[in-house]
């Protein structure tokens, strides 16, 4: 047999085999693409799948300022959520889905032990030697947190292989969420309190320093209040000047009928000179060049007193600020309001057999139609 005949025979054999395989696939396509996958899914649902129960709760993060009249606006009256509460709710949502929340809940509920008892359900089984990333993904698949931006509500859904665990899981999430919200607000309050205490300490140091400066000035100059002393000295000078004016008037009256060398005139002149000397002495105490005069001392003293008054006011404001901050730190700045508490489910929510069967059947039918179309195109090209 020649080589050419062998090649023709082999080519004919391959064509017949391909045609047979194509015909066989077309004949059994429905069984391969639809019946077999549906049968596998039914077997899994009937034999292997483990029922999972879901507990649901609804919460809202509120602040005391949210209910004050000053915080009302048109948006709130129309049902919109408060922007500050929305921000806190989103923070809480991220925390619930975080590894930190998982770490806290795992210590309380022992997820590895509970979720490993999945029976024959190999799909939803949690292996004991799973990695941290796989464990976190498994946890996120068992909890759902949905935020409604219109009402400001967080809907928390938790799953478990038993009704009791799903409810316990949800309660533990709510308890840790409340602690997180309180800690978030109290942390800010504690930082503000520490800052206020530091400011109070600095204000006290400044006040003590200015008071010490005031006392040192008084002791150094041996005077209690230069301004009061200057006022008293001025009043004395004015009194002496008034008396001098009276004596000068009396002198003019005496000179009208007595001579210059009369004893009364000489005595009155001496009195006027003594008054003038006393007036000059008192005026020199009030105003004259030098640092020890009452006018310059009063100016310096007023500056020191103003500094003491200013430091006293700062110290008083610091005391009020620290008391206000202490009260805010002592009370709850944010509250996790439970709108709907988690209930113990009586019916399993997963697996949803009807939904799975309908969805799987739809996928198989689409795949069947696609393959059928491809086979028809191949058959047309061969012809």
Protein backbone atom coordinates (compact mmCIF):
# COMPACT_ATOMS: atom_id res chain seq x y z
CA UNK A 1 0.00 0.00 0.00
CA UNK A 2 1.37 3.32 -1.00
CA UNK A 3 2.01 6.17 1.40
CA UNK A 4 -0.58 8.33 -0.30
CA UNK A 5 -3.32 5.75 0.29
CA UNK A 6 -2.35 5.44 3.94
CA UNK A 7 -2.66 9.20 4.42
CA UNK A 8 -6.06 9.22 2.73
CA UNK A 9 -7.25 6.37 4.92
CA UNK A 10 -6.05 8.08 8.10
CA UNK A 11 -7.66 11.37 7.07
CA UNK A 12 -10.95 9.61 6.36
CA UNK A 13 -10.79 7.84 9.73
CA UNK A 14 -10.19 11.10 11.59
CA UNK A 15 -13.10 12.76 9.79
CA UNK A 16 -15.44 9.91 10.67
CA UNK A 17 -14.28 9.99 14.31
CA UNK A 18 -14.75 13.77 14.58
CA UNK A 19 -18.17 13.52 12.98
CA UNK A 20 -19.12 10.75 15.39
CA UNK A 21 -17.87 12.75 18.40
CA UNK A 22 -19.70 15.86 17.23
CA UNK A 23 -22.90 13.93 16.72
CA UNK A 24 -22.54 12.26 20.12
CA UNK A 25 -21.99 15.62 21.81
CA UNK A 26 -25.03 17.09 20.05
CA UNK A 27 -27.11 14.11 21.09
CA UNK A 28 -26.06 14.19 24.77
CA UNK A 29 -25.47 17.95 25.12
CA UNK A 30 -28.59 18.51 27.24
CA UNK A 31 -27.48 15.79 29.67
CA UNK A 32 -23.94 17.15 29.89
CA UNK A 33 -24.72 20.85 30.22
CA UNK A 34 -28.10 20.86 32.01
CA UNK A 35 -29.00 17.55 33.60
CA UNK A 36 -25.62 16.65 35.14
CA UNK A 37 -24.94 20.08 36.79
CA UNK A 38 -28.52 20.23 38.04
CA UNK A 39 -28.17 16.72 39.45
CA UNK A 40 -24.93 17.70 41.24
CA UNK A 41 -26.60 20.77 42.73
CA UNK A 42 -29.59 18.73 43.92
CA UNK A 43 -27.27 16.16 45.48
CA UNK A 44 -25.36 18.93 47.28
CA UNK A 45 -28.55 20.57 48.54
CA UNK A 46 -30.10 17.32 49.72
CA UNK A 47 -27.08 15.53 51.17
CA UNK A 48 -24.22 17.94 51.89
CA UNK A 49 -25.63 21.42 52.48
CA UNK A 50 -25.96 22.57 56.08
CA UNK A 51 -28.81 24.99 56.90
CA UNK A 52 -27.66 28.45 57.99
CA UNK A 53 -29.77 30.80 60.11
CA UNK A 54 -29.73 34.59 60.00
CA UNK A 55 -30.38 37.08 62.80
CA UNK A 56 -30.97 40.76 61.95
CA UNK A 57 -30.76 44.00 63.90
CA UNK A 58 -31.03 47.68 62.99
CA UNK A 59 -29.12 50.42 64.77
CA UNK A 60 -28.46 54.15 64.46
CA UNK A 61 -25.63 56.31 65.78
CA UNK A 62 -26.98 59.41 67.53
CA UNK A 63 -25.44 62.45 69.21
CA UNK A 64 -27.14 64.64 71.84
CA UNK A 65 -26.78 67.59 69.48
CA UNK A 66 -28.87 65.76 66.86
CA UNK A 67 -32.03 66.31 68.89
CA UNK A 68 -31.39 69.92 69.91
CA UNK A 69 -33.55 72.57 68.29
CA UNK A 70 -30.53 74.45 67.00
CA UNK A 71 -29.46 71.52 64.90
CA UNK A 72 -32.74 71.14 63.04
CA UNK A 73 -32.79 72.00 59.37
CA UNK A 74 -34.96 71.40 56.34
CA UNK A 75 -33.05 68.25 55.39
CA UNK A 76 -33.63 66.67 58.78
CA UNK A 77 -37.31 67.59 58.72
CA UNK A 78 -37.64 65.84 55.35
CA UNK A 79 -36.11 62.67 56.76
CA UNK A 80 -32.47 63.03 55.76
CA UNK A 81 -29.81 61.73 58.14
CA UNK A 82 -27.50 64.04 60.07
CA UNK A 83 -24.09 64.35 58.33
CA UNK A 84 -22.18 63.78 61.58
CA UNK A 85 -24.20 60.65 62.39
CA UNK A 86 -23.73 59.42 58.82
CA UNK A 87 -19.97 59.74 59.20
CA UNK A 88 -20.04 57.83 62.49
CA UNK A 89 -22.23 55.10 60.97
CA UNK A 90 -19.81 54.63 58.08
CA UNK A 91 -16.92 54.42 60.55
CA UNK A 92 -18.84 51.75 62.46
CA UNK A 93 -19.57 49.82 59.25
CA UNK A 94 -15.88 49.69 58.38
CA UNK A 95 -15.00 48.61 61.92
CA UNK A 96 -17.52 45.76 61.90
CA UNK A 97 -15.93 44.40 58.72
CA UNK A 98 -12.39 44.86 60.04
CA UNK A 99 -9.90 42.36 61.41
CA UNK A 100 -9.99 44.19 64.76
CA UNK A 101 -13.67 43.39 65.22
CA UNK A 102 -13.03 39.79 64.15
CA UNK A 103 -10.26 39.49 66.74
CA UNK A 104 -12.52 40.71 69.55
CA UNK A 105 -15.47 38.52 68.53
CA UNK A 106 -13.30 35.45 68.03
CA UNK A 107 -12.17 35.66 71.66
CA UNK A 108 -15.80 35.76 72.79
CA UNK A 109 -17.42 33.26 70.42
CA UNK A 110 -14.52 31.02 69.30
CA UNK A 111 -15.37 31.16 65.58
CA UNK A 112 -12.87 28.47 64.60
CA UNK A 113 -14.60 25.91 66.74
CA UNK A 114 -18.18 26.93 65.86
CA UNK A 115 -17.76 27.32 62.11
CA UNK A 116 -15.76 24.12 61.77
CA UNK A 117 -18.89 22.13 62.74
CA UNK A 118 -20.48 22.40 59.32
CA UNK A 119 -21.35 18.72 58.95
CA UNK A 120 -20.85 17.49 55.37
CA UNK A 121 -21.04 21.02 53.93
CA UNK A 122 -17.55 21.19 52.48
CA UNK A 123 -18.25 24.51 50.72
CA UNK A 124 -18.97 26.44 53.93
CA UNK A 125 -16.55 24.57 56.13
CA UNK A 126 -13.87 26.57 57.98
CA UNK A 127 -10.60 24.72 58.18
CA UNK A 128 -8.65 24.98 61.45
CA UNK A 129 -5.39 25.73 59.63
CA UNK A 130 -6.85 28.57 57.56
CA UNK A 131 -4.79 31.74 57.07
CA UNK A 132 -5.68 35.09 58.63
CA UNK A 133 -6.78 36.47 55.27
CA UNK A 134 -9.00 33.46 54.56
CA UNK A 135 -10.45 33.67 58.05
CA UNK A 136 -11.30 37.36 57.56
CA UNK A 137 -12.95 36.67 54.18
CA UNK A 138 -14.95 33.82 55.75
CA UNK A 139 -16.06 36.16 58.56
CA UNK A 140 -17.13 38.84 56.08
CA UNK A 141 -19.19 36.25 54.20
CA UNK A 142 -21.04 35.49 57.47
CA UNK A 143 -21.92 39.08 58.29
CA UNK A 144 -23.66 41.77 56.27
CA UNK A 145 -23.69 45.49 57.16
CA UNK A 146 -25.84 47.76 54.99
CA UNK A 147 -26.12 51.51 55.53
CA UNK A 148 -29.27 53.39 54.47
CA UNK A 149 -28.24 56.97 53.71
CA UNK A 150 -31.86 58.14 53.77
CA UNK A 151 -32.74 56.97 57.28
CA UNK A 152 -29.21 56.71 58.68
CA UNK A 153 -29.86 53.12 59.81
CA UNK A 154 -27.34 50.30 59.82
CA UNK A 155 -28.80 46.86 59.11
CA UNK A 156 -26.61 44.11 60.58
CA UNK A 157 -27.22 40.50 59.54
CA UNK A 158 -25.29 37.58 61.03
CA UNK A 159 -25.26 33.92 60.02
CA UNK A 160 -24.77 30.73 62.00
CA UNK A 161 -25.31 27.01 61.67
CA UNK A 162 -27.70 27.22 64.65
CA UNK A 163 -30.38 29.79 65.51
CA UNK A 164 -28.81 30.38 68.92
CA UNK A 165 -25.38 31.18 67.53
CA UNK A 166 -26.69 33.60 64.87
CA UNK A 167 -28.50 35.56 67.58
CA UNK A 168 -25.50 35.41 69.92
CA UNK A 169 -23.26 36.54 67.06
CA UNK A 170 -25.46 39.57 66.40
CA UNK A 171 -25.65 40.54 70.08
CA UNK A 172 -21.87 40.38 70.37
CA UNK A 173 -21.52 42.65 67.33
CA UNK A 174 -23.91 45.20 68.88
CA UNK A 175 -22.07 45.15 72.21
CA UNK A 176 -18.67 45.70 70.62
CA UNK A 177 -20.13 48.36 68.29
CA UNK A 178 -21.44 50.31 71.27
CA UNK A 179 -18.03 50.11 72.94
CA UNK A 180 -16.37 51.32 69.74
CA UNK A 181 -18.73 54.30 69.38
CA UNK A 182 -18.26 55.32 73.02
CA UNK A 183 -14.50 54.90 72.83
CA UNK A 184 -14.37 56.91 69.63
CA UNK A 185 -16.07 59.89 71.28
CA UNK A 186 -14.40 59.53 74.68
CA UNK A 187 -10.96 59.37 73.11
CA UNK A 188 -11.52 62.79 71.58
CA UNK A 189 -12.90 64.06 74.90
CA UNK A 190 -9.88 62.72 76.81
CA UNK A 191 -7.50 64.43 74.40
CA UNK A 192 -9.39 67.69 74.87
CA UNK A 193 -9.30 67.22 78.65
CA UNK A 194 -5.55 66.65 78.65
CA UNK A 195 -5.07 69.76 76.53
CA UNK A 196 -7.30 71.79 78.87
CA UNK A 197 -5.35 70.56 81.91
CA UNK A 198 -2.07 71.57 80.32
CA UNK A 199 -3.47 75.01 79.50
CA UNK A 200 -4.75 75.35 83.08
CA UNK A 201 -1.32 74.52 84.44
CA UNK A 202 0.35 77.07 82.16
CA UNK A 203 -2.23 79.72 83.12
CA UNK A 204 -1.60 79.03 86.80
CA UNK A 205 2.15 79.42 86.36
CA UNK A 206 1.66 82.75 84.55
CA UNK A 207 -0.72 84.01 87.25
CA UNK A 208 1.66 83.06 90.07
CA UNK A 209 4.50 84.79 88.26
CA UNK A 210 2.57 88.03 87.72
CA UNK A 211 1.34 88.05 91.34
CA UNK A 212 4.89 87.54 92.60
CA UNK A 213 6.02 90.43 90.43
CA UNK A 214 3.26 92.65 91.93
CA UNK A 215 4.26 91.77 95.52
CA UNK A 216 7.94 92.29 94.77
CA UNK A 217 7.21 95.76 93.35
CA UNK A 218 5.20 96.72 96.44
CA UNK A 219 7.87 95.44 98.83
CA UNK A 220 10.71 97.02 96.87
CA UNK A 221 9.09 100.48 96.82
CA UNK A 222 7.51 100.15 100.29
CA UNK A 223 4.13 101.26 98.96
CA UNK A 224 0.80 99.49 98.69
CA UNK A 225 -0.75 101.41 95.80
CA UNK A 226 1.16 104.25 94.09
CA UNK A 227 -1.97 105.41 92.31
CA UNK A 228 -3.88 105.81 95.59
CA UNK A 229 -0.88 107.56 97.16
CA UNK A 230 -0.64 109.91 94.17
CA UNK A 231 -4.35 110.69 94.48
CA UNK A 232 -3.99 111.45 98.17
CA UNK A 233 -0.92 113.63 97.55
CA UNK A 234 -2.72 115.56 94.81
CA UNK A 235 -5.68 116.13 97.11
CA UNK A 236 -3.30 117.43 99.81
CA UNK A 237 -1.60 119.83 97.37
CA UNK A 238 -4.95 121.20 96.27
CA UNK A 239 -5.94 121.73 99.92
CA UNK A 240 -2.69 123.53 100.68
CA UNK A 241 -3.05 125.69 97.59
CA UNK A 242 -6.55 126.65 98.67
CA UNK A 243 -5.27 127.61 102.11
CA UNK A 244 -2.44 129.60 100.51
CA UNK A 245 -4.96 131.54 98.40
CA UNK A 246 -6.89 132.41 101.56
CA UNK A 247 -3.72 133.63 103.30
CA UNK A 248 -2.72 135.73 100.27
CA UNK A 249 -6.16 137.36 100.27
CA UNK A 250 -5.80 138.08 103.97
CA UNK A 251 -2.32 139.56 103.31
CA UNK A 252 -3.67 141.96 100.72
CA UNK A 253 -6.31 143.03 103.14
CA UNK A 254 -3.72 143.76 105.87
CA UNK A 255 -1.51 145.72 103.48
CA UNK A 256 -4.42 148.01 102.77
CA UNK A 257 -4.08 149.59 106.22
CA UNK A 258 -0.72 148.32 107.64
CA UNK A 259 2.87 148.88 106.66
CA UNK A 260 5.16 146.19 105.18
CA UNK A 261 7.13 145.83 108.42
CA UNK A 262 4.08 145.32 110.56
CA UNK A 263 4.33 142.13 112.68
CA UNK A 264 1.03 140.81 111.39
CA UNK A 265 2.16 141.26 107.80
CA UNK A 266 5.53 139.58 108.44
CA UNK A 267 3.88 136.67 110.22
CA UNK A 268 1.39 136.18 107.41
CA UNK A 269 4.15 136.29 104.79
CA UNK A 270 6.08 133.61 106.67
CA UNK A 271 2.97 131.42 106.79
CA UNK A 272 2.51 131.78 103.04
CA UNK A 273 6.16 130.86 102.43
CA UNK A 274 5.82 127.78 104.64
CA UNK A 275 2.71 126.70 102.77
CA UNK A 276 4.46 127.19 99.43
CA UNK A 277 7.43 125.13 100.61
CA UNK A 278 5.11 122.36 101.70
CA UNK A 279 3.25 122.55 98.40
CA UNK A 280 6.53 122.26 96.47
CA UNK A 281 7.57 119.32 98.58
CA UNK A 282 4.31 117.45 97.99
CA UNK A 283 4.33 118.23 94.26
CA UNK A 284 7.89 116.95 93.97
CA UNK A 285 6.67 113.64 95.33
CA UNK A 286 4.00 113.42 92.63
CA UNK A 287 5.74 114.66 89.48
CA UNK A 288 9.45 115.13 88.97
CA UNK A 289 12.22 113.46 86.95
CA UNK A 290 13.18 110.00 88.33
CA UNK A 291 11.79 106.48 88.82
CA UNK A 292 10.68 106.94 92.42
CA UNK A 293 7.99 109.54 91.72
CA UNK A 294 4.39 108.61 92.26
CA UNK A 295 3.29 109.28 88.69
CA UNK A 296 5.90 106.92 87.15
CA UNK A 297 5.36 104.40 89.93
CA UNK A 298 1.61 104.49 89.31
CA UNK A 299 2.14 103.89 85.59
CA UNK A 300 4.40 100.89 86.29
CA UNK A 301 2.02 99.62 88.93
CA UNK A 302 -0.97 99.87 86.56
CA UNK A 303 0.91 97.82 83.97
CA UNK A 304 1.68 95.12 86.52
CA UNK A 305 -1.93 95.13 87.79
CA UNK A 306 -3.23 94.86 84.23
CA UNK A 307 -0.99 91.86 83.66
CA UNK A 308 -2.26 90.25 86.86
CA UNK A 309 -5.87 90.92 85.86
CA UNK A 310 -5.29 89.48 82.39
CA UNK A 311 -3.61 86.34 83.78
CA UNK A 312 -6.43 85.97 86.29
CA UNK A 313 -9.01 86.11 83.50
CA UNK A 314 -7.07 83.53 81.47
CA UNK A 315 -6.88 81.27 84.52
CA UNK A 316 -10.64 81.63 85.14
CA UNK A 317 -11.40 80.76 81.50
CA UNK A 318 -9.11 77.72 81.72
CA UNK A 319 -10.97 76.50 84.83
CA UNK A 320 -14.34 76.89 83.06
CA UNK A 321 -13.01 75.10 79.97
CA UNK A 322 -11.66 72.16 81.94
CA UNK A 323 -14.91 71.77 83.86
CA UNK A 324 -16.92 71.81 80.66
CA UNK A 325 -14.59 69.30 79.05
CA UNK A 326 -14.73 67.06 82.13
CA UNK A 327 -18.52 67.01 81.99
CA UNK A 328 -18.47 66.16 78.28
CA UNK A 329 -15.95 63.39 78.87
CA UNK A 330 -18.09 61.93 81.67
CA UNK A 331 -21.25 61.62 79.58
CA UNK A 332 -21.93 59.70 76.41
CA UNK A 333 -21.18 61.95 73.46
CA UNK A 334 -22.52 59.37 71.00
CA UNK A 335 -25.13 56.69 71.52
CA UNK A 336 -25.75 53.49 69.57
CA UNK A 337 -29.53 53.31 69.43
CA UNK A 338 -30.87 49.82 68.76
CA UNK A 339 -33.94 50.26 66.59
CA UNK A 340 -34.54 46.53 66.10
CA UNK A 341 -32.88 44.01 68.42
CA UNK A 342 -31.62 40.67 67.09
CA UNK A 343 -34.21 37.90 67.32
CA UNK A 344 -33.74 34.14 67.43
CA UNK A 345 -34.59 32.84 63.92
CA UNK A 346 -36.92 29.87 63.61
CA UNK A 347 -36.39 29.14 59.91
CA UNK A 348 -33.15 28.77 58.00
CA UNK A 349 -32.36 31.49 55.48
CA UNK A 350 -29.62 29.64 53.63
CA UNK A 351 -29.28 27.84 51.37
CA UNK A 352 -32.20 29.23 49.39
CA UNK A 353 -32.85 26.08 47.38
CA UNK A 354 -35.47 27.53 45.06
CA UNK A 355 -33.34 30.54 44.16
CA UNK A 356 -30.22 28.39 43.65
CA UNK A 357 -32.02 25.85 41.47
CA UNK A 358 -33.66 28.55 39.33
CA UNK A 359 -30.42 30.50 38.95
CA UNK A 360 -28.38 27.39 38.18
CA UNK A 361 -30.96 26.20 35.64
CA UNK A 362 -30.85 29.59 33.92
CA UNK A 363 -27.05 29.50 33.73
CA UNK A 364 -27.09 25.95 32.36
CA UNK A 365 -29.69 26.83 29.75
CA UNK A 366 -27.66 29.84 28.61
CA UNK A 367 -24.55 27.69 28.41
CA UNK A 368 -26.51 25.00 26.52
CA UNK A 369 -27.74 27.54 23.98
CA UNK A 370 -24.25 28.98 23.50
CA UNK A 371 -22.66 25.57 22.92
CA UNK A 372 -25.51 24.53 20.64
CA UNK A 373 -24.94 27.63 18.53
CA UNK A 374 -21.18 26.98 18.34
CA UNK A 375 -21.75 23.39 17.26
CA UNK A 376 -24.15 24.55 14.57
CA UNK A 377 -21.59 27.02 13.26
CA UNK A 378 -18.91 24.28 13.17
CA UNK A 379 -21.27 21.95 11.32
CA UNK A 380 -22.05 24.60 8.73
CA UNK A 381 -18.36 25.21 8.09
CA UNK A 382 -17.73 21.51 7.55
CA UNK A 383 -20.49 21.28 5.00
